[in-house]
Amino acid sequence: MRVLLRSTLKMARAWRIKQALRAIYATATTPEEVEPLLKRWRSWASRCRLEPFKRLGRTITKHLTGVLNGF
């Protein structure tokens, strides 16, 4: 795990982005709490140069109301 944390490989970057999103879902409990966290995550995803995460960020943006209602 530490090797992935320090790596600059695409796989390591993807793992860090995925773990950050998982942490949001594991800790946030209200829409007011999750919205700024998701905004920051979407910003990271849009700049990460990994198309699957860029696409996921756009999907979350498109369905943000529903995502927030889930909390």
Protein backbone atom coordinates (compact mmCIF):
# COMPACT_ATOMS: atom_id res chain seq x y z
CA MET A 1 0.00 0.00 0.00
CA ARG A 2 2.78 2.47 0.81
CA VAL A 3 4.34 1.75 -2.54
CA LEU A 4 1.09 2.78 -4.24
CA LEU A 5 0.80 5.91 -2.12
CA ARG A 6 4.21 7.11 -3.24
CA SER A 7 3.98 5.96 -6.82
CA THR A 8 3.26 8.25 -9.75
CA LEU A 9 1.82 5.48 -11.90
CA LYS A 10 -1.68 5.81 -13.29
CA MET A 11 -2.82 2.85 -11.23
CA ALA A 12 -1.58 4.49 -8.04
CA ARG A 13 -3.31 7.75 -8.93
CA ALA A 14 -6.53 5.86 -9.63
CA TRP A 15 -6.28 4.04 -6.31
CA ARG A 16 -5.84 7.32 -4.40
CA ILE A 17 -8.80 8.93 -6.15
CA LYS A 18 -10.98 5.88 -5.50
CA GLN A 19 -9.99 5.77 -1.85
CA ALA A 20 -10.79 9.47 -1.45
CA LEU A 21 -14.30 8.92 -2.82
CA ARG A 22 -14.79 5.89 -0.58
CA ALA A 23 -13.74 7.98 2.42
CA ILE A 24 -16.38 10.58 1.57
CA TYR A 25 -19.08 7.93 1.48
CA ALA A 26 -17.79 6.30 4.67
CA THR A 27 -17.68 9.46 6.78
CA ALA A 28 -20.16 12.03 5.48
CA THR A 29 -23.70 11.79 6.82
CA THR A 30 -25.61 14.86 5.61
CA PRO A 31 -25.99 16.56 2.23
CA GLU A 32 -24.53 19.76 3.71
CA GLU A 33 -21.46 17.86 4.83
CA VAL A 34 -20.95 15.88 1.65
CA GLU A 35 -21.48 18.61 -0.95
CA PRO A 36 -18.16 20.48 -0.43
CA LEU A 37 -16.30 17.17 -0.17
CA LEU A 38 -17.76 15.95 -3.45
CA LYS A 39 -17.04 19.30 -5.08
CA ARG A 40 -13.37 18.99 -4.13
CA TRP A 41 -13.28 15.35 -5.26
CA ARG A 42 -14.91 16.20 -8.61
CA SER A 43 -12.32 18.92 -9.15
CA TRP A 44 -9.54 16.41 -8.52
CA ALA A 45 -11.19 13.83 -10.78
CA SER A 46 -11.60 16.32 -13.62
CA ARG A 47 -7.88 17.17 -13.52
CA CYS A 48 -6.53 13.65 -12.99
CA ARG A 49 -6.06 12.75 -16.68
CA LEU A 50 -7.78 9.40 -16.13
CA GLU A 51 -10.87 9.29 -18.34
CA PRO A 52 -12.95 6.89 -16.19
CA PHE A 53 -12.68 9.25 -13.21
CA LYS A 54 -13.34 12.30 -15.34
CA ARG A 55 -16.48 10.58 -16.62
CA LEU A 56 -17.53 9.62 -13.08
CA GLY A 57 -17.06 13.22 -11.96
CA ARG A 58 -19.32 14.42 -14.78
CA THR A 59 -21.92 11.80 -13.86
CA ILE A 60 -21.90 12.87 -10.22
CA THR A 61 -22.28 16.49 -11.31
CA LYS A 62 -25.18 15.60 -13.58
CA HIS A 63 -26.97 13.69 -10.81
CA LEU A 64 -25.80 15.75 -7.85
CA THR A 65 -29.29 16.29 -6.42
CA GLY A 66 -29.95 12.57 -6.31
CA VAL A 67 -26.50 11.81 -4.91
CA LEU A 68 -27.00 14.34 -2.11
CA ASN A 69 -30.47 12.95 -1.37
CA GLY A 70 -28.81 9.60 -0.77
CA PHE A 71 -27.16 11.06 2.31
